[in-house]
N, C-alpha and C. Protein backbone atom coordinates (compact mmCIF):
# COMPACT_ATOMS: atom_id res chain seq x y z
N MET A 1 0.68 -1.01 -0.10
CA MET A 1 0.11 0.16 -0.08
C MET A 1 0.46 1.27 0.08
N ASN A 2 0.73 2.19 -0.76
CA ASN A 2 1.46 3.29 -1.11
C ASN A 2 0.74 4.31 -0.23
N GLN A 3 1.39 5.02 0.74
CA GLN A 3 0.94 6.29 1.84
C GLN A 3 1.54 7.28 1.48
N MET A 4 2.33 7.40 0.15
CA MET A 4 2.83 8.70 0.05
C MET A 4 1.96 9.80 -0.28
N LYS A 5 1.96 10.92 0.28
CA LYS A 5 1.16 11.95 0.18
C LYS A 5 1.61 12.84 -1.26
N THR A 6 0.66 13.50 -1.97
CA THR A 6 0.93 14.19 -2.63
C THR A 6 2.35 15.48 -2.89
N LEU A 7 3.14 15.17 -3.30
CA LEU A 7 4.32 16.06 -3.35
C LEU A 7 4.00 17.67 -3.56
N ASP A 8 4.64 18.61 -3.02
CA ASP A 8 4.41 20.23 -3.64
C ASP A 8 5.58 20.51 -4.33
N GLN A 9 5.81 21.22 -5.16
CA GLN A 9 6.37 21.52 -5.98
C GLN A 9 8.09 21.47 -5.26
N GLU A 10 8.37 22.25 -4.42
CA GLU A 10 9.61 22.31 -3.84
C GLU A 10 10.22 20.57 -3.70
N GLU A 11 9.36 19.52 -3.38
CA GLU A 11 9.76 18.18 -2.98
C GLU A 11 9.91 17.46 -4.15
N LYS A 12 8.95 17.94 -5.29
CA LYS A 12 9.03 17.38 -6.43
C LYS A 12 10.45 17.74 -7.05
N GLU A 13 10.85 18.83 -6.91
CA GLU A 13 12.33 19.10 -7.56
C GLU A 13 13.49 18.44 -6.70
N ILE A 14 13.12 18.59 -5.66
CA ILE A 14 14.26 17.49 -4.59
C ILE A 14 14.06 16.11 -5.25
N LEU A 15 13.09 15.70 -5.39
CA LEU A 15 12.98 14.05 -5.85
C LEU A 15 13.78 14.12 -7.10
N ASP A 16 13.56 14.86 -8.00
CA ASP A 16 13.86 14.91 -9.41
C ASP A 16 15.17 14.67 -9.28
N ALA A 17 15.86 15.97 -8.75
CA ALA A 17 17.60 15.91 -8.55
C ALA A 17 18.05 15.11 -7.73
N TYR A 18 17.15 14.26 -7.05
CA TYR A 18 18.01 12.79 -6.29
C TYR A 18 17.70 11.56 -7.06
N GLU A 19 17.06 11.71 -8.07
CA GLU A 19 16.83 10.61 -9.05
C GLU A 19 17.62 10.66 -10.21
N SER A 20 17.74 11.88 -10.58
CA SER A 20 18.60 12.20 -11.66
C SER A 20 20.32 12.17 -11.70
N GLY A 21 20.38 12.40 -10.05
CA GLY A 21 21.73 12.11 -9.59
C GLY A 21 22.52 13.41 -9.57
N LYS A 22 21.76 14.13 -9.18
CA LYS A 22 22.19 15.82 -9.01
C LYS A 22 22.93 15.98 -7.65
N LEU A 23 22.12 15.27 -6.73
CA LEU A 23 22.46 15.70 -5.52
C LEU A 23 23.48 14.87 -4.80
N ARG A 24 24.65 14.98 -4.08
CA ARG A 24 25.58 14.23 -3.76
C ARG A 24 25.52 14.70 -2.32
N ARG A 25 26.49 13.06 -1.59
CA ARG A 25 26.26 13.15 -0.08
C ARG A 25 27.42 14.35 0.09
N VAL A 26 27.02 14.88 1.50
CA VAL A 26 28.20 15.84 2.01
C VAL A 26 29.32 14.74 2.36
N PRO A 27 30.58 15.24 2.05
CA PRO A 27 31.73 14.68 2.68
C PRO A 27 31.92 15.00 4.10
N GLU A 28 31.74 13.71 4.76
CA GLU A 28 31.75 13.34 6.26
C GLU A 28 30.64 13.69 6.90
N ALA A 29 29.86 12.96 6.33
CA ALA A 29 28.20 13.52 6.67
C ALA A 29 27.95 13.25 8.11
N LYS A 30 28.23 12.37 8.55
CA LYS A 30 28.05 12.15 10.12
C LYS A 30 28.47 13.22 10.81
N LYS A 31 29.78 13.70 10.87
CA LYS A 31 30.23 14.59 11.08
C LYS A 31 29.72 16.05 10.90
N GLU A 32 28.70 16.27 9.83
CA GLU A 32 28.40 17.38 9.58
C GLU A 32 26.63 17.47 10.38
N ILE A 33 26.03 16.45 10.44
CA ILE A 33 25.07 15.82 10.94
C ILE A 33 25.20 16.29 12.60
N ALA A 34 25.94 15.95 13.04
CA ALA A 34 26.44 15.95 14.79
C ALA A 34 26.50 17.40 14.78
N ARG A 35 27.12 18.11 13.84
CA ARG A 35 27.68 19.80 14.17
C ARG A 35 26.22 20.52 13.91
N HIS A 36 25.52 20.30 13.05
CA HIS A 36 24.31 20.91 12.85
C HIS A 36 23.30 20.36 13.94
N LYS A 37 23.41 19.31 14.41
CA LYS A 37 22.60 19.05 15.89
C LYS A 37 23.08 20.02 17.35
N ARG A 38 24.12 20.11 17.16
CA ARG A 38 24.54 20.98 18.23
C ARG A 38 24.59 22.65 17.68
N TYR A 39 24.39 22.90 16.85
CA TYR A 39 23.55 24.22 16.41
C TYR A 39 22.23 24.10 17.01
N ALA A 40 21.47 23.29 16.12
CA ALA A 40 20.12 23.51 16.78
C ALA A 40 19.91 23.29 18.49
N ALA A 41 20.82 22.52 18.91
CA ALA A 41 20.41 22.35 20.49
C ALA A 41 21.01 23.74 21.29
N ALA A 42 21.84 24.45 20.60
CA ALA A 42 22.17 25.86 21.00
C ALA A 42 21.66 26.38 20.70
N THR A 43 20.95 26.61 19.40
CA THR A 43 19.82 28.01 19.30
C THR A 43 18.38 27.75 19.76
N PHE A 44 17.80 26.22 20.23
CA PHE A 44 16.55 25.87 20.74
C PHE A 44 16.69 25.86 22.37
N LYS A 45 17.87 26.01 22.63
CA LYS A 45 17.98 25.97 24.21
C LYS A 45 17.62 27.11 25.02
N LYS A 46 16.53 26.81 25.79
CA LYS A 46 15.62 28.04 26.79
C LYS A 46 15.87 27.94 28.09
N ASP A 47 17.16 28.67 28.20
CA ASP A 47 17.67 28.51 29.96
C ASP A 47 17.15 29.95 30.62
N ALA A 48 16.40 30.79 30.04
CA ALA A 48 16.02 32.10 30.85
C ALA A 48 14.61 32.44 31.17
N ARG A 49 14.13 32.62 32.03
CA ARG A 49 12.80 33.14 31.73
C ARG A 49 12.52 34.50 32.05
N ILE A 50 11.12 34.95 31.44
CA ILE A 50 11.12 36.29 31.42
C ILE A 50 9.49 36.79 31.83
N ASN A 51 9.14 37.48 32.40
CA ASN A 51 7.95 38.05 32.76
C ASN A 51 7.38 39.06 32.09
N ILE A 52 6.43 39.08 31.33
CA ILE A 52 6.19 40.70 30.46
C ILE A 52 4.90 40.74 30.38
N ARG A 53 4.52 42.18 30.69
CA ARG A 53 2.87 42.51 30.40
C ARG A 53 2.62 43.26 29.36
N ILE A 54 1.71 42.38 28.67
CA ILE A 54 1.39 43.14 27.26
C ILE A 54 -0.19 43.45 27.12
N SER A 55 -0.88 43.83 26.29
CA SER A 55 -2.09 44.01 26.57
C SER A 55 -2.83 42.70 26.13
N SER A 56 -4.38 42.49 27.03
CA SER A 56 -4.80 41.24 26.61
C SER A 56 -5.20 41.47 24.85
N LYS A 57 -5.59 42.41 24.45
CA LYS A 57 -6.25 42.48 22.75
C LYS A 57 -4.72 41.51 22.02
N ASP A 58 -3.33 42.12 22.11
CA ASP A 58 -2.34 41.80 21.93
C ASP A 58 -2.04 40.35 22.19
N LEU A 59 -2.28 39.87 23.41
CA LEU A 59 -2.38 38.14 23.52
C LEU A 59 -3.42 37.49 23.00
N LYS A 60 -4.63 38.11 22.67
CA LYS A 60 -5.19 37.08 22.26
C LYS A 60 -5.05 36.99 20.60
N GLU A 61 -4.64 38.40 20.16
CA GLU A 61 -4.48 38.47 18.51
C GLU A 61 -2.90 37.61 18.71
N LEU A 62 -1.95 37.46 19.62
CA LEU A 62 -0.91 36.41 19.22
C LEU A 62 -1.14 34.93 19.63
N GLN A 63 -2.50 34.41 20.21
CA GLN A 63 -2.86 33.53 20.68
C GLN A 63 -3.74 32.94 19.34
N LYS A 64 -4.41 33.66 18.35
CA LYS A 64 -5.16 33.66 17.36
C LYS A 64 -3.92 33.30 16.25
N LEU A 65 -3.04 33.95 16.19
CA LEU A 65 -2.31 33.61 15.35
C LEU A 65 -1.16 32.12 15.43
N ALA A 66 -0.84 31.85 16.62
CA ALA A 66 -0.39 30.98 17.26
C ALA A 66 -0.97 29.42 16.66
N LEU A 67 -2.40 29.91 16.88
CA LEU A 67 -3.24 28.66 16.44
C LEU A 67 -3.43 28.61 15.08
N SER A 68 -3.38 29.48 14.47
CA SER A 68 -3.31 29.22 12.93
C SER A 68 -2.32 28.55 12.40
N GLU A 69 -1.00 28.97 12.96
CA GLU A 69 0.17 28.72 12.40
C GLU A 69 0.40 26.96 13.19
N GLY A 70 -0.49 26.81 14.14
CA GLY A 70 -0.09 25.20 14.95
C GLY A 70 0.54 25.37 16.02
N LEU A 71 0.95 26.36 16.48
CA LEU A 71 1.91 26.05 17.52
C LEU A 71 1.73 26.69 19.01
N PRO A 72 2.04 26.37 20.04
CA PRO A 72 1.65 27.09 21.32
C PRO A 72 2.40 28.56 21.16
N TYR A 73 1.40 29.54 21.74
CA TYR A 73 1.62 31.05 21.27
C TYR A 73 2.89 31.37 22.42
N GLN A 74 3.37 30.72 23.33
CA GLN A 74 4.80 30.99 23.87
C GLN A 74 5.71 30.75 23.08
N THR A 75 5.42 29.76 22.10
CA THR A 75 6.59 29.38 20.91
C THR A 75 6.54 30.54 19.77
N LEU A 76 5.56 31.06 19.59
CA LEU A 76 5.58 32.05 18.33
C LEU A 76 6.09 33.51 18.94
N ILE A 77 5.78 33.59 20.45
CA ILE A 77 6.52 34.70 21.22
C ILE A 77 7.66 34.71 20.94
N SER A 78 8.24 33.23 21.49
CA SER A 78 9.84 33.38 21.77
C SER A 78 10.74 33.26 20.47
N SER A 79 9.85 32.67 19.00
CA SER A 79 10.41 32.78 18.01
C SER A 79 10.32 34.08 17.49
N VAL A 80 9.60 35.24 17.64
CA VAL A 80 9.54 36.48 17.05
C VAL A 80 10.39 37.26 17.90
N LEU A 81 10.63 37.30 19.05
CA LEU A 81 11.71 37.46 19.76
C LEU A 81 13.41 37.35 19.30
N HIS A 82 13.63 35.62 19.29
CA HIS A 82 14.69 35.49 18.68
C HIS A 82 14.93 35.93 17.27
N LYS A 83 13.83 35.88 16.48
CA LYS A 83 14.24 36.48 14.98
C LYS A 83 14.64 37.98 15.30
N PHE A 84 14.22 38.83 16.20
CA PHE A 84 14.15 40.28 16.21
C PHE A 84 15.88 40.39 16.85
N ALA A 85 16.14 39.34 18.12
CA ALA A 85 17.50 39.59 18.53
C ALA A 85 18.68 39.06 17.61
N GLU A 86 18.14 38.22 16.49
CA GLU A 86 19.29 37.95 15.24
C GLU A 86 18.92 39.04 13.90
N ARG A 87 18.37 39.89 14.49
CA ARG A 87 18.09 41.09 13.64
C ARG A 87 17.71 40.24 12.18
N ARG A 88 17.14 39.21 12.15
CA ARG A 88 15.92 38.76 10.93
C ARG A 88 14.65 39.32 10.92
N LEU A 89 14.30 40.13 12.05
CA LEU A 89 13.08 40.98 12.11
C LEU A 89 13.54 42.13 12.39
N THR A 90 12.83 43.24 11.93
CA THR A 90 13.31 44.67 12.19
C THR A 90 12.16 45.35 11.97
N THR A 91 12.55 46.52 12.94
CA THR A 91 11.43 47.52 12.84
C THR A 91 11.11 48.37 11.77
N ARG A 92 9.93 49.23 11.73
CA ARG A 92 9.47 49.94 10.67
C ARG A 92 10.99 50.98 10.28
N SER A 93 11.20 51.91 11.40
CA SER A 93 11.93 52.48 11.70
C SER A 93 13.10 52.17 11.19
N SER A 94 13.82 51.07 11.26
CA SER A 94 14.96 50.56 11.10
C SER A 94 15.03 50.27 9.77
N ARG A 95 14.00 49.65 9.01
CA ARG A 95 14.00 49.57 7.59
C ARG A 95 13.89 50.66 6.88
N ARG A 96 13.40 52.02 6.91
CA ARG A 96 13.46 53.29 6.70
C ARG A 96 14.86 53.79 6.59
N SER A 97 15.18 53.63 7.69
CA SER A 97 16.57 54.33 7.98
C SER A 97 17.61 53.26 6.99
N SER A 98 17.68 52.20 7.01
CA SER A 98 18.25 51.60 5.82
C SER A 98 17.94 51.67 4.56
N LEU A 99 16.71 52.07 4.12
CA LEU A 99 16.59 52.68 2.96
C LEU A 99 17.13 54.32 2.33
N ARG A 100 17.05 54.77 3.73
CA ARG A 100 17.87 56.34 3.53
C ARG A 100 19.28 56.01 3.33
N SER A 101 19.83 55.47 4.04
CA SER A 101 21.25 55.04 3.98
C SER A 101 21.44 54.17 2.33
N ALA A 102 20.54 53.72 1.86
CA ALA A 102 20.92 53.21 0.64
C ALA A 102 20.89 54.04 -0.50
N ARG A 103 20.07 54.51 -0.17
CA ARG A 103 19.90 55.63 -1.29
C ARG A 103 20.99 57.00 -1.36
N ARG A 104 21.71 56.98 -0.67
CA ARG A 104 22.95 57.98 -0.30
C ARG A 104 24.09 57.49 -1.25
């Protein structure tokens, strides 16, 4: 019985590349996998607690958004804070500042 789901476009491209021999194994794959596991563990290590106050309206909106994404709202908030701390999520004013700098 084939229980394979329908592939999306990206999955089809990966499968095609694999079947055509375009994909190659990374040299020392076991070491690379171990290295990336260490990175992931360090990235997701949650060793500090914070307590913040936000409006109940904002909390409800975050909870709705988290529900639509299929994850706990605390995880969503943590993810947003992490992205902001890593400079992968910016404020509008910092984007405007960057645009002004780029135009000069």
